[in-house]
Protein backbone atom coordinates (compact mmCIF):
# COMPACT_ATOMS: atom_id res chain seq x y z
CA MET A 1 3.19 44.37 -145.03
CA LEU A 2 5.34 43.66 -141.97
CA ALA A 3 9.09 44.16 -142.19
CA PHE A 4 9.81 40.80 -140.52
CA GLU A 5 8.64 37.21 -140.28
CA THR A 6 6.07 36.83 -137.49
CA ASP A 7 6.90 33.15 -136.89
CA CYS A 8 10.64 33.77 -136.43
CA HIS A 9 11.96 33.68 -132.83
CA ILE A 10 15.28 33.10 -131.15
CA PHE A 11 16.10 29.42 -130.47
CA SER A 12 13.70 28.41 -133.28
CA GLY A 13 16.39 27.94 -135.89
CA CYS A 14 16.03 31.22 -137.77
CA GLY A 15 18.30 34.26 -137.77
CA PHE A 16 17.36 37.75 -136.67
CA PRO A 17 15.29 39.37 -139.44
CA ALA A 18 17.14 42.68 -139.35
CA PRO A 19 15.42 45.71 -140.88
CA GLY A 20 16.99 47.35 -143.89
CA LEU A 21 16.15 49.13 -147.11
CA HIS A 22 13.44 46.54 -147.76
CA SER A 23 11.61 47.98 -144.73
CA PHE A 24 11.09 51.21 -146.69
CA VAL A 25 9.68 49.58 -149.82
CA PHE A 26 5.92 49.05 -150.14
CA GLN A 27 3.84 47.18 -152.67
CA PRO A 28 1.42 49.46 -154.57
CA LEU A 29 -2.11 49.66 -153.20
CA PHE A 30 -3.36 50.08 -156.77
CA THR A 31 -2.04 50.97 -160.21
CA ILE A 32 -3.60 53.31 -162.78
CA ASN A 33 -2.07 53.43 -166.26
CA GLY A 34 1.32 52.44 -164.91
CA PHE A 35 1.17 54.88 -161.97
CA GLU A 36 1.62 53.01 -158.69
CA PHE A 37 -0.03 54.43 -155.58
CA ASN A 38 1.44 53.02 -152.35
CA LYS A 39 1.09 53.40 -148.61
CA VAL A 40 3.60 56.27 -148.34
CA MET A 41 1.70 58.30 -150.94
CA LEU A 42 -1.52 57.62 -149.06
CA LEU A 43 0.01 58.88 -145.82
CA ALA A 44 1.29 62.01 -147.58
CA LEU A 45 -2.20 62.63 -148.97
CA LEU A 46 -3.73 62.07 -145.53
CA SER A 47 -1.22 64.54 -144.08
CA THR A 48 -2.57 67.20 -146.43
CA VAL A 49 -6.13 66.34 -145.45
CA VAL A 50 -5.31 66.47 -141.73
CA VAL A 51 -3.62 69.90 -141.96
CA VAL A 52 -6.39 71.41 -144.11
CA TRP A 53 -9.13 69.91 -141.91
CA PHE A 54 -7.51 71.11 -138.69
CA PHE A 55 -7.13 74.74 -139.73
CA TRP A 56 -10.53 74.76 -141.41
CA ALA A 57 -12.12 73.42 -138.21
CA ALA A 58 -10.12 75.81 -136.04
CA PHE A 59 -10.63 79.01 -138.04
CA GLY A 60 -13.57 78.31 -140.38
CA LYS A 61 -15.93 79.91 -137.88
CA ALA A 62 -13.48 81.85 -135.71
CA LYS A 63 -14.92 83.45 -132.60
CA VAL A 64 -13.81 86.39 -130.46
CA VAL A 65 -13.79 84.01 -127.50
CA PRO A 66 -12.04 80.99 -129.02
CA GLY A 67 -13.01 77.40 -128.35
CA LYS A 68 -10.48 74.69 -127.54
CA LEU A 69 -9.68 73.82 -131.16
CA GLN A 70 -9.33 77.46 -132.14
CA MET A 71 -7.05 78.08 -129.17
CA ILE A 72 -4.79 75.19 -130.23
CA GLY A 73 -4.79 76.46 -133.81
CA GLU A 74 -3.94 80.00 -132.72
CA ALA A 75 -1.15 78.72 -130.48
CA GLY A 76 0.40 76.70 -133.33
CA TYR A 77 0.01 79.54 -135.82
CA ASP A 78 1.47 82.07 -133.40
CA PHE A 79 4.39 79.78 -132.56
CA VAL A 80 5.51 79.67 -136.18
CA ARG A 81 4.71 83.32 -136.83
CA ARG A 82 6.49 84.80 -133.82
CA GLY A 83 9.00 82.07 -133.00
CA ILE A 84 10.30 81.56 -136.55
CA VAL A 85 9.08 84.04 -139.15
CA TYR A 86 9.21 87.30 -137.17
CA ASP A 87 12.56 86.40 -135.64
CA ALA A 88 14.12 85.73 -139.05
CA LEU A 89 12.33 88.19 -141.34
CA GLY A 90 10.84 90.78 -139.04
CA LYS A 91 7.14 91.56 -138.72
CA LYS A 92 6.87 93.85 -141.76
CA GLU A 93 8.64 91.58 -144.25
CA GLY A 94 7.63 88.29 -142.68
CA GLU A 95 3.87 88.65 -142.36
CA LYS A 96 3.19 87.75 -146.00
CA TYR A 97 5.18 84.49 -145.64
CA VAL A 98 3.48 83.30 -142.44
CA PRO A 99 0.79 81.14 -144.16
CA PHE A 100 3.46 79.41 -146.25
CA MET A 101 5.65 78.75 -143.21
CA VAL A 102 2.76 77.53 -141.05
CA SER A 103 1.59 75.15 -143.78
CA LEU A 104 5.12 73.86 -144.28
CA PHE A 105 5.71 73.32 -140.55
CA PHE A 106 2.51 71.40 -139.88
CA PHE A 107 2.73 69.41 -143.11
CA VAL A 108 6.25 68.20 -142.28
CA TRP A 109 5.31 67.54 -138.67
CA ILE A 110 2.25 65.44 -139.54
CA MET A 111 4.22 63.45 -142.12
CA ASN A 112 6.79 62.75 -139.39
CA LEU A 113 4.14 61.80 -136.82
CA TRP A 114 2.82 58.86 -138.86
CA SER A 115 5.85 56.97 -137.55
CA ILE A 116 4.18 56.41 -134.17
CA VAL A 117 0.56 56.12 -135.29
CA PRO A 118 -0.72 52.52 -135.08
CA ILE A 119 -1.28 50.80 -138.43
CA ALA A 120 0.45 53.64 -140.30
CA GLN A 121 3.75 53.38 -138.39
CA PHE A 122 5.87 54.97 -141.07
CA PRO A 123 7.34 58.50 -141.37
CA VAL A 124 6.65 59.81 -144.88
CA THR A 125 9.78 61.98 -144.76
CA SER A 126 12.00 58.88 -144.47
CA ILE A 127 11.46 58.55 -148.23
CA ILE A 128 13.87 61.06 -149.79
CA ALA A 129 11.43 62.10 -152.55
CA PHE A 130 9.21 63.97 -150.08
CA PRO A 131 11.87 66.08 -148.31
CA ALA A 132 13.48 66.67 -151.72
CA GLY A 133 10.17 67.88 -153.15
CA LEU A 134 9.61 70.27 -150.26
CA ALA A 135 13.22 71.49 -150.42
CA ALA A 136 12.76 72.10 -154.16
CA ILE A 137 9.70 74.27 -153.47
CA VAL A 138 11.68 76.28 -150.91
CA TYR A 139 14.63 76.53 -153.32
CA VAL A 140 12.50 77.86 -156.19
CA THR A 141 10.79 80.33 -153.84
CA TRP A 142 14.13 81.54 -152.48
CA VAL A 143 15.82 81.91 -155.89
CA THR A 144 12.77 83.62 -157.42
CA LEU A 145 12.50 86.02 -154.49
CA THR A 146 16.20 86.84 -154.71
CA PHE A 147 15.99 87.76 -158.41
CA LYS A 148 12.78 89.70 -157.83
CA ARG A 149 14.23 91.72 -154.96
CA HIS A 150 17.74 92.38 -156.30
CA GLY A 151 17.50 92.04 -160.05
CA PHE A 152 19.71 89.79 -162.16
CA VAL A 153 23.10 91.29 -161.26
CA GLY A 154 22.19 91.83 -157.62
CA ALA A 155 20.97 88.25 -157.29
CA LEU A 156 24.22 86.90 -158.71
CA LYS A 157 26.12 89.00 -156.18
CA ASN A 158 23.86 87.69 -153.44
CA PHE A 159 24.45 84.05 -154.43
CA SER A 160 28.19 84.46 -155.00
CA GLY A 161 29.05 86.63 -152.01
CA TYR A 162 30.69 89.11 -154.37
CA ASP A 163 32.92 91.62 -152.60
CA LYS A 164 35.57 93.33 -154.69
CA SER A 165 37.54 94.25 -151.57
CA LEU A 166 38.57 90.59 -151.24
CA GLY A 167 40.99 90.98 -154.11
CA ALA A 168 42.81 87.86 -155.36
CA VAL A 169 40.71 85.38 -153.35
CA LEU A 170 37.45 86.67 -154.87
CA PRO A 171 37.29 84.14 -157.78
CA MET A 172 37.76 81.21 -155.41
CA LEU A 173 35.18 82.62 -153.01
CA ILE A 174 32.65 83.07 -155.83
CA VAL A 175 33.01 79.41 -156.87
CA ILE A 176 32.66 78.20 -153.26
CA GLU A 177 29.64 80.43 -152.54
CA LEU A 178 27.83 79.49 -155.75
CA LEU A 179 28.42 75.81 -155.08
CA SER A 180 27.31 76.19 -151.48
CA ASN A 181 24.21 78.27 -152.15
CA LEU A 182 22.86 76.78 -155.35
CA ILE A 183 23.77 73.10 -154.97
CA ILE A 184 24.81 72.12 -151.45
CA ARG A 185 22.21 74.20 -149.61
CA PRO A 186 19.07 72.61 -151.14
CA PHE A 187 20.72 69.17 -150.94
CA THR A 188 21.46 69.44 -147.20
CA HIS A 189 18.04 70.99 -146.57
CA ALA A 190 16.38 67.83 -147.87
CA VAL A 191 18.89 65.29 -146.54
CA ARG A 192 18.86 66.67 -142.98
CA LEU A 193 15.16 65.90 -142.61
CA PHE A 194 15.32 62.63 -144.54
CA ALA A 195 18.37 61.22 -142.69
CA ASN A 196 16.98 61.94 -139.21
CA MET A 197 13.62 60.36 -139.92
CA PHE A 198 15.15 57.42 -141.79
CA ALA A 199 17.54 56.67 -138.91
CA GLY A 200 14.84 57.13 -136.28
CA HIS A 201 12.46 54.75 -138.01
CA LEU A 202 15.24 52.19 -138.50
CA LEU A 203 16.03 52.26 -134.77
CA LEU A 204 12.37 51.85 -133.86
CA LEU A 205 12.09 48.92 -136.25
CA MET A 206 15.24 47.35 -134.84
CA PHE A 207 13.98 47.25 -131.26
CA THR A 208 10.39 46.42 -132.22
CA ILE A 209 11.51 43.41 -134.27
CA ALA A 210 14.01 42.43 -131.57
CA THR A 211 11.23 42.44 -128.96
CA TRP A 212 9.22 39.96 -131.01
CA TYR A 213 12.22 37.90 -132.04
CA LEU A 214 13.45 37.45 -128.45
CA LEU A 215 10.00 36.50 -127.16
CA ASN A 216 10.81 32.82 -126.78
CA GLY A 217 12.14 30.80 -123.84
CA PHE A 218 14.83 32.53 -121.78
CA GLY A 219 14.95 35.28 -124.40
CA VAL A 220 11.79 36.78 -122.88
CA VAL A 221 14.02 38.61 -120.36
CA TYR A 222 15.84 40.38 -123.19
CA ALA A 223 12.55 40.93 -124.99
CA GLY A 224 11.36 42.97 -121.98
CA ALA A 225 14.48 45.15 -122.12
CA SER A 226 14.03 45.61 -125.86
CA PHE A 227 10.38 46.59 -125.35
CA ILE A 228 11.38 49.25 -122.83
CA MET A 229 13.86 50.63 -125.35
CA THR A 230 11.08 50.71 -127.96
CA ILE A 231 8.91 52.81 -125.62
CA LEU A 232 11.79 55.18 -124.82
CA LEU A 233 12.71 55.55 -128.48
CA THR A 234 9.08 56.26 -129.38
CA ALA A 235 8.98 59.07 -126.82
CA PHE A 236 12.30 60.40 -128.11
CA GLU A 237 11.05 60.16 -131.68
CA LEU A 238 8.08 62.34 -130.76
CA PHE A 239 10.53 65.05 -129.76
CA ILE A 240 12.71 64.62 -132.85
CA GLN A 241 9.70 64.76 -135.17
CA ALA A 242 8.74 68.21 -133.88
CA VAL A 243 12.36 69.41 -133.86
CA GLN A 244 12.92 68.36 -137.47
CA ALA A 245 9.78 70.20 -138.61
CA TYR A 246 10.99 73.26 -136.70
CA VAL A 247 14.51 73.09 -138.17
CA PHE A 248 13.21 72.62 -141.72
CA VAL A 249 11.03 75.74 -141.46
CA LEU A 250 13.69 77.71 -139.58
CA LEU A 251 16.18 77.08 -142.39
CA THR A 252 13.53 78.10 -144.91
CA ALA A 253 13.02 81.38 -143.04
CA ASN A 254 16.77 81.96 -142.97
CA TYR A 255 17.03 81.37 -146.72
CA LEU A 256 14.23 83.86 -147.40
CA GLN A 257 15.89 86.33 -145.04
CA GLY A 258 19.04 86.08 -147.14
CA ALA A 259 16.99 86.73 -150.27
CA LEU A 260 15.41 89.84 -148.79
CA ALA A 261 18.56 91.26 -147.20
CA GLU A 262 20.40 94.04 -148.95
CA HIS A 263 23.72 93.01 -150.47
CA HIS A 264 26.74 94.99 -149.32
């Protein structure tokens, strides 16, 4: 369903059909026992299929002399492994978390990329449920790892920033650190990705709709300018989509690094 009226143009007696929250709501494709499956869910499912297919095709029959697909797969895998995981966790500690980080990076990236794919044209991560779900997985992994590495008391010290040398300010610091680590951190982890993709898609919609709306009479001049802005924003969105996937995984690596670090 389009987010605007296709027969609405400037000078035709109708107002500008501005995008809004309604642009992020989709009718269900089908319903099973009250469960509604919509376009966003389909794109999320396709994202999983794309990631699994790519790495299966790249490494299913890996060769000593890699082909083009294997070379691309190795480059992507190595980028996350060396550029994110090793830098944050070190090679010894980080190696076991590389598959998780690689899967997370490419899954987020593909979900972002749907924004510029014809017909799809919607970033899955602009729906808060998906970044929140991924952030929840990271949160549970981080908390579990912290308790496993440090024990119950050590984990509480890790979360609270406990340091008896702080004296009278220690109680206030503990409250701030617990609030920051256990509530604010997972919230901002999800919202950072969601807000950037939501805003980016809204901007793209704004100029895309404006291009069509202005395509009438003298307004065609402004429609051309709006179309150029749409192209520029699409290119910029390509960059932001990759950056947001990188930032999401980088923060995940930093959280795990905090879980593995010794408390002093």
